Protein backbone atom coordinates (compact mmCIF):
# COMPACT_ATOMS: atom_id res chain seq x y z
CA MET A 1 0.07 -0.22 -0.14
CA LYS A 2 1.06 3.40 -0.64
CA ASP A 3 3.00 5.57 1.96
CA ILE A 4 1.13 8.87 2.71
CA VAL A 5 3.56 10.17 4.95
CA ILE A 6 7.31 9.95 4.90
CA CYS A 7 9.72 11.66 7.55
CA GLU A 8 13.54 11.08 6.95
CA ASN A 9 16.27 11.56 9.02
CA ILE A 10 14.26 14.35 10.88
CA LYS A 11 16.04 16.28 13.36
CA PHE A 12 14.51 19.20 15.07
CA ASN A 13 14.85 21.85 18.07
CA TYR A 14 13.29 25.31 18.66
CA LEU A 15 14.90 28.61 17.99
CA GLY A 16 17.22 30.15 20.37
CA ASP A 17 17.44 26.16 22.27
CA GLU A 18 19.76 25.04 19.61
CA LYS A 19 21.00 22.42 22.50
CA LYS A 20 17.81 21.06 23.09
CA ILE A 21 17.10 18.11 20.31
CA ILE A 22 13.24 17.53 20.49
CA LEU A 23 13.59 15.00 17.72
CA ASN A 24 16.65 13.17 16.63
CA ASN A 25 16.86 11.05 13.13
CA VAL A 26 13.36 9.89 13.29
CA SER A 27 12.68 8.50 10.04
CA ILE A 28 9.08 7.02 9.58
CA ALA A 29 6.92 5.92 6.80
CA ILE A 30 2.89 5.63 7.30
CA GLN A 31 0.47 3.89 5.01
CA LYS A 32 -2.34 5.22 3.49
CA GLY A 33 -5.28 4.07 5.26
CA SER A 34 -3.58 2.99 8.46
CA PHE A 35 -4.31 3.97 11.84
CA VAL A 36 -0.89 4.86 13.60
CA SER A 37 -0.68 5.77 17.22
CA VAL A 38 2.40 7.91 18.22
CA LEU A 39 2.84 7.20 22.01
CA GLY A 40 5.35 8.84 24.62
CA ARG A 41 5.49 11.04 27.74
CA ASN A 42 5.02 14.65 27.54
CA GLY A 43 8.65 15.86 26.16
CA SER A 44 9.19 13.04 24.39
CA GLY A 45 8.96 14.88 20.89
CA LYS A 46 5.37 13.45 19.70
CA SER A 47 3.27 16.63 19.48
CA THR A 48 6.41 18.69 17.50
CA LEU A 49 6.46 15.48 15.20
CA ALA A 50 2.59 16.19 14.55
CA LYS A 51 3.46 19.79 13.71
CA LEU A 52 5.92 18.87 11.54
CA ILE A 53 4.21 16.34 9.46
CA ASP A 54 1.38 19.50 9.38
CA ALA A 55 3.77 21.82 8.45
CA ILE A 56 3.31 23.94 10.98
CA VAL A 57 7.17 24.21 12.01
CA LEU A 58 9.94 22.88 9.59
CA PRO A 59 12.45 20.61 10.24
CA LYS A 60 15.91 21.63 10.88
CA SER A 61 17.11 18.95 8.72
CA GLY A 62 15.88 15.98 7.15
CA ASP A 63 12.65 15.97 4.94
CA ILE A 64 8.82 15.12 5.37
CA TRP A 65 6.56 14.34 2.33
CA VAL A 66 2.67 14.26 2.86
CA ALA A 67 1.18 12.87 -0.46
CA GLY A 68 4.00 14.02 -2.37
CA ILE A 69 4.53 17.30 -1.58
CA ASN A 70 7.56 18.30 0.43
CA SER A 71 6.97 20.41 3.69
CA LYS A 72 9.98 22.53 2.76
CA MET A 73 8.85 23.58 -0.74
CA ASN A 74 7.27 26.92 -1.33
CA ASP A 75 3.60 27.34 -0.63
CA SER A 76 3.68 23.71 0.77
CA LYS A 77 1.29 24.78 3.60
CA GLU A 78 -1.39 25.50 1.23
CA ALA A 79 -0.95 22.58 -0.84
CA LEU A 80 -1.04 20.12 2.08
CA ARG A 81 -4.10 21.81 3.54
CA GLU A 82 -6.14 19.33 0.65
CA HIS A 83 -4.27 16.17 2.07
CA ILE A 84 -4.32 16.33 5.88
CA GLY A 85 -5.70 18.19 8.89
CA ILE A 86 -4.79 18.52 12.44
CA VAL A 87 -7.26 18.40 15.71
CA PHE A 88 -5.28 19.78 18.67
CA GLN A 89 -6.10 19.35 22.46
CA ASN A 90 -8.33 22.41 23.18
CA PRO A 91 -11.57 22.08 21.59
CA ASP A 92 -12.37 25.85 22.41
CA ASN A 93 -9.24 27.01 20.73
CA GLN A 94 -10.79 25.58 17.32
CA ILE A 95 -14.16 27.01 17.33
CA VAL A 96 -14.26 29.86 15.11
CA ALA A 97 -18.33 30.75 14.45
CA ASN A 98 -21.71 30.54 16.56
CA THR A 99 -23.14 27.83 15.41
CA VAL A 100 -22.24 24.26 14.92
CA CYS A 101 -23.23 24.52 11.11
CA GLU A 102 -21.00 27.88 10.20
CA ASP A 103 -18.20 26.23 12.36
CA ILE A 104 -18.02 23.41 9.87
CA ALA A 105 -18.77 25.60 6.95
CA PHE A 106 -15.87 27.89 7.83
CA GLY A 107 -13.11 25.84 5.59
CA LEU A 108 -15.27 25.35 3.08
CA GLU A 109 -16.18 28.81 2.69
CA ASN A 110 -12.56 29.69 2.17
CA MET A 111 -12.32 27.22 -0.50
CA GLY A 112 -14.89 28.55 -2.54
CA ILE A 113 -17.21 25.51 -2.41
CA GLU A 114 -21.09 26.18 -3.74
CA PRO A 115 -23.55 26.28 -1.15
CA ASN A 116 -25.28 22.98 -2.32
CA GLU A 117 -22.34 21.12 -2.31
CA MET A 118 -21.43 22.62 1.36
CA ASN A 119 -24.49 21.59 2.88
CA ASN A 120 -24.23 17.91 1.55
CA ARG A 121 -20.54 17.93 2.96
CA ILE A 122 -21.83 19.11 6.45
CA ASP A 123 -24.21 16.90 6.95
CA GLU A 124 -21.83 13.58 5.87
CA ALA A 125 -19.33 15.31 8.44
CA LEU A 126 -22.00 15.41 11.05
CA GLN A 127 -22.95 12.16 10.42
CA ALA A 128 -19.57 10.78 10.59
CA VAL A 129 -19.00 12.39 14.12
CA ASP A 130 -22.80 11.25 15.11
CA MET A 131 -23.76 14.86 15.68
CA THR A 132 -26.33 15.18 13.27
CA ASN A 133 -29.22 16.67 15.40
CA TYR A 134 -26.58 19.37 16.67
CA LYS A 135 -26.28 20.74 13.32
CA ASN A 136 -27.91 24.23 14.07
CA TRP A 137 -26.75 24.26 17.70
CA ASP A 138 -25.13 27.29 19.55
CA VAL A 139 -21.98 26.21 20.45
CA ASN A 140 -21.52 27.44 23.41
CA ARG A 141 -24.06 24.74 24.55
CA LEU A 142 -21.95 21.64 23.59
CA SER A 143 -20.24 20.07 25.89
CA GLY A 144 -16.02 19.54 26.00
CA GLY A 145 -16.46 16.41 23.89
CA GLN A 146 -18.97 17.47 21.44
CA LYS A 147 -16.71 20.51 20.66
CA GLN A 148 -14.38 18.12 19.96
CA ARG A 149 -16.07 15.91 17.54
CA ILE A 150 -17.46 19.47 15.79
CA ALA A 151 -13.27 20.14 15.64
CA ILE A 152 -13.31 16.75 13.89
CA ALA A 153 -15.85 17.19 11.57
CA GLY A 154 -14.63 20.52 10.59
CA ILE A 155 -11.29 18.77 9.08
CA ILE A 156 -13.08 15.63 7.38
CA VAL A 157 -15.48 18.07 5.97
CA MET A 158 -12.34 18.96 3.86
CA ARG A 159 -12.15 15.54 2.82
CA PRO A 160 -8.33 15.14 3.87
CA GLU A 161 -6.48 11.94 2.85
CA CYS A 162 -5.12 11.90 6.61
CA ILE A 163 -5.88 13.39 9.96
CA ILE A 164 -3.62 14.19 12.84
CA LEU A 165 -5.37 13.80 16.35
CA ASP A 166 -2.75 15.81 18.99
CA GLU A 167 -3.97 14.63 22.29
CA PRO A 168 -7.52 15.02 21.47
CA THR A 169 -8.82 13.97 24.92
CA ALA A 170 -6.43 15.70 27.11
CA MET A 171 -8.84 18.28 28.43
CA LEU A 172 -12.14 16.25 28.53
CA ASP A 173 -14.02 14.05 31.38
CA PRO A 174 -14.57 10.32 30.98
CA LYS A 175 -17.59 10.72 29.02
CA GLY A 176 -16.23 13.53 26.44
CA ARG A 177 -13.37 11.06 26.14
CA LYS A 178 -15.13 7.90 25.63
CA GLU A 179 -17.39 9.80 22.61
CA VAL A 180 -14.05 11.04 21.14
CA LEU A 181 -12.19 7.89 20.97
CA GLU A 182 -15.38 6.27 19.35
CA THR A 183 -15.53 8.81 17.04
CA ILE A 184 -11.72 8.09 16.18
CA TYR A 185 -12.05 4.70 15.62
CA LYS A 186 -15.06 4.90 13.42
CA LEU A 187 -13.12 7.43 11.13
CA LYS A 188 -10.68 4.53 10.33
CA ASN A 189 -12.99 1.68 10.08
CA ALA A 190 -15.84 3.41 8.47
CA HIS A 191 -14.33 5.98 6.32
CA GLY A 192 -10.81 4.53 5.83
CA ILE A 193 -9.09 8.03 6.86
CA THR A 194 -5.57 7.91 7.45
CA THR A 195 -5.22 8.34 11.09
CA ILE A 196 -2.53 9.38 13.52
CA LEU A 197 -3.18 9.62 17.30
CA ILE A 198 -1.16 11.34 19.42
CA THR A 199 -1.26 10.38 22.97
CA HIS A 200 0.59 9.48 26.44
CA LEU A 201 -2.18 6.99 27.18
CA MET A 202 -1.56 3.39 26.29
CA GLU A 203 -5.62 2.45 26.25
CA GLU A 204 -5.99 4.94 23.71
CA ALA A 205 -3.41 3.23 21.17
CA LEU A 206 -5.05 -0.25 21.63
CA GLN A 207 -7.18 0.00 17.91
CA SER A 208 -4.10 0.99 16.28
CA ASP A 209 -2.83 -1.01 13.49
CA ARG A 210 0.67 0.34 14.68
CA ILE A 211 2.19 2.23 17.54
CA ILE A 212 5.42 4.28 17.34
CA LEU A 213 6.72 4.81 20.80
CA LEU A 214 8.81 8.00 21.33
CA SER A 215 11.40 8.67 23.80
CA ASN A 216 13.81 11.34 24.60
CA GLY A 217 13.14 12.60 20.84
CA SER A 218 13.97 8.88 19.41
CA ILE A 219 12.17 6.05 18.13
CA LEU A 220 12.27 3.39 21.03
CA MET A 221 9.63 0.67 19.51
CA ASP A 222 7.72 0.60 16.15
CA GLY A 223 5.16 -2.56 15.88
CA ASN A 224 1.73 -3.28 16.36
CA PRO A 225 0.10 -3.30 19.54
CA GLU A 226 0.84 -6.97 20.77
CA SER A 227 4.63 -6.68 19.85
CA VAL A 228 4.91 -3.29 21.37
CA PHE A 229 2.70 -3.97 24.68
CA SER A 230 4.24 -7.09 25.16
CA ASP A 231 7.60 -5.52 26.51
CA ILE A 232 6.18 -3.65 29.44
CA ASP A 233 9.82 -3.29 30.70
CA LYS A 234 10.66 -1.09 27.74
CA ILE A 235 7.43 0.98 27.81
CA LYS A 236 7.94 1.75 31.65
CA SER A 237 11.82 2.99 30.88
CA ALA A 238 9.76 5.44 28.48
CA GLY A 239 7.98 7.01 31.52
CA LEU A 240 4.77 5.73 30.41
CA GLU A 241 1.91 4.39 33.11
CA VAL A 242 0.98 0.68 32.04
CA PRO A 243 -2.95 -0.05 32.54
CA GLN A 244 -2.91 -2.82 35.42
CA VAL A 245 -4.80 -5.36 33.12
CA VAL A 246 -1.77 -4.97 30.60
CA GLU A 247 0.64 -5.52 33.36
CA LEU A 248 -1.18 -8.34 34.77
CA LEU A 249 -1.30 -10.35 31.13
CA TYR A 250 2.10 -9.43 30.45
CA SER A 251 3.51 -11.08 34.04
CA LEU A 252 1.50 -14.01 33.40
CA ARG A 253 2.72 -14.38 29.93
CA LYS A 254 6.63 -13.76 31.24
CA TYR A 255 5.94 -16.37 34.04
CA SER A 256 4.40 -18.96 31.63
CA LEU A 257 7.58 -18.67 29.36
CA GLN A 258 9.66 -19.11 32.08
CA GLY A 259 7.57 -22.00 33.31
CA THR A 260 8.10 -23.40 29.82
CA THR A 261 12.00 -23.40 29.43
CA GLN A 262 12.39 -24.54 32.96
CA GLY A 263 10.30 -27.81 32.37
CA ASN A 264 7.45 -27.43 35.02
CA GLY A 265 4.94 -29.00 32.70
CA LEU A 266 3.71 -25.92 31.34
CA THR A 267 2.83 -26.56 27.49
CA GLY A 268 2.24 -23.20 25.58
CA GLY A 269 1.63 -21.30 28.71
CA VAL A 270 -0.55 -18.05 28.21
CA PRO A 271 -0.96 -16.55 24.88
CA PRO A 272 0.36 -13.51 23.76
CA VAL A 273 -1.37 -10.69 24.90
CA ARG A 274 -4.10 -9.35 22.61
CA PHE A 275 -6.32 -6.41 23.44
CA SER A 276 -9.78 -4.88 22.64
CA MET A 277 -11.86 -1.94 23.68
């Protein structure tokens, strides 16, 4: 399958702080239509990677291509907007209009989309995030989770090939978090949008096709959830909290493998750790 995002030997530091390397020689290729979680503690470089892919900032060295467009090219930001969109932590910072419909229409109006097409796209986007009944609501009446789903609708209404979600549940209560996560999983499963989820919570990454674990600006692990979450010791070394159920399954499997090698009669033991939401 074709790669929609390619990062080659990315190095990055913020201006004025050249000694602090945020990302160091990071290379990633993300397949079109896949669901990838970038996992890491605060300060690991994961949000900076999101901004680099979206061309909000440019790499100090190395190259990033999105849909074949190099982020360093002149006018690349505008060209990239046709292919990729990003949703940030705080939904209130992304609301630009008074009503749900007006907010989602904002990007389409800037593109010059004609009214009938605009209305059809808005309806499709609202349906995708299960917010159809809120089309004419004042955005100030919405909960945090609902606002974040509207922010997601405002991106997918543009019909991008890829969406980045940078810690989208960080400021939400448990109910809002559940709503947003269900929406994210649906985007990939029902609509085939390439999804890049930035998070520090292991449980949010369980349904990913692939997990990239960042630590101190470098890739520590890269694989499917089963392979990544089967090495709890390495995950802990990256400063992440491990859910109790995952740690229990890991401990059982580790004990089983030790028992098998010591000839205690266990055959096969506990199967590889498997996850579901």
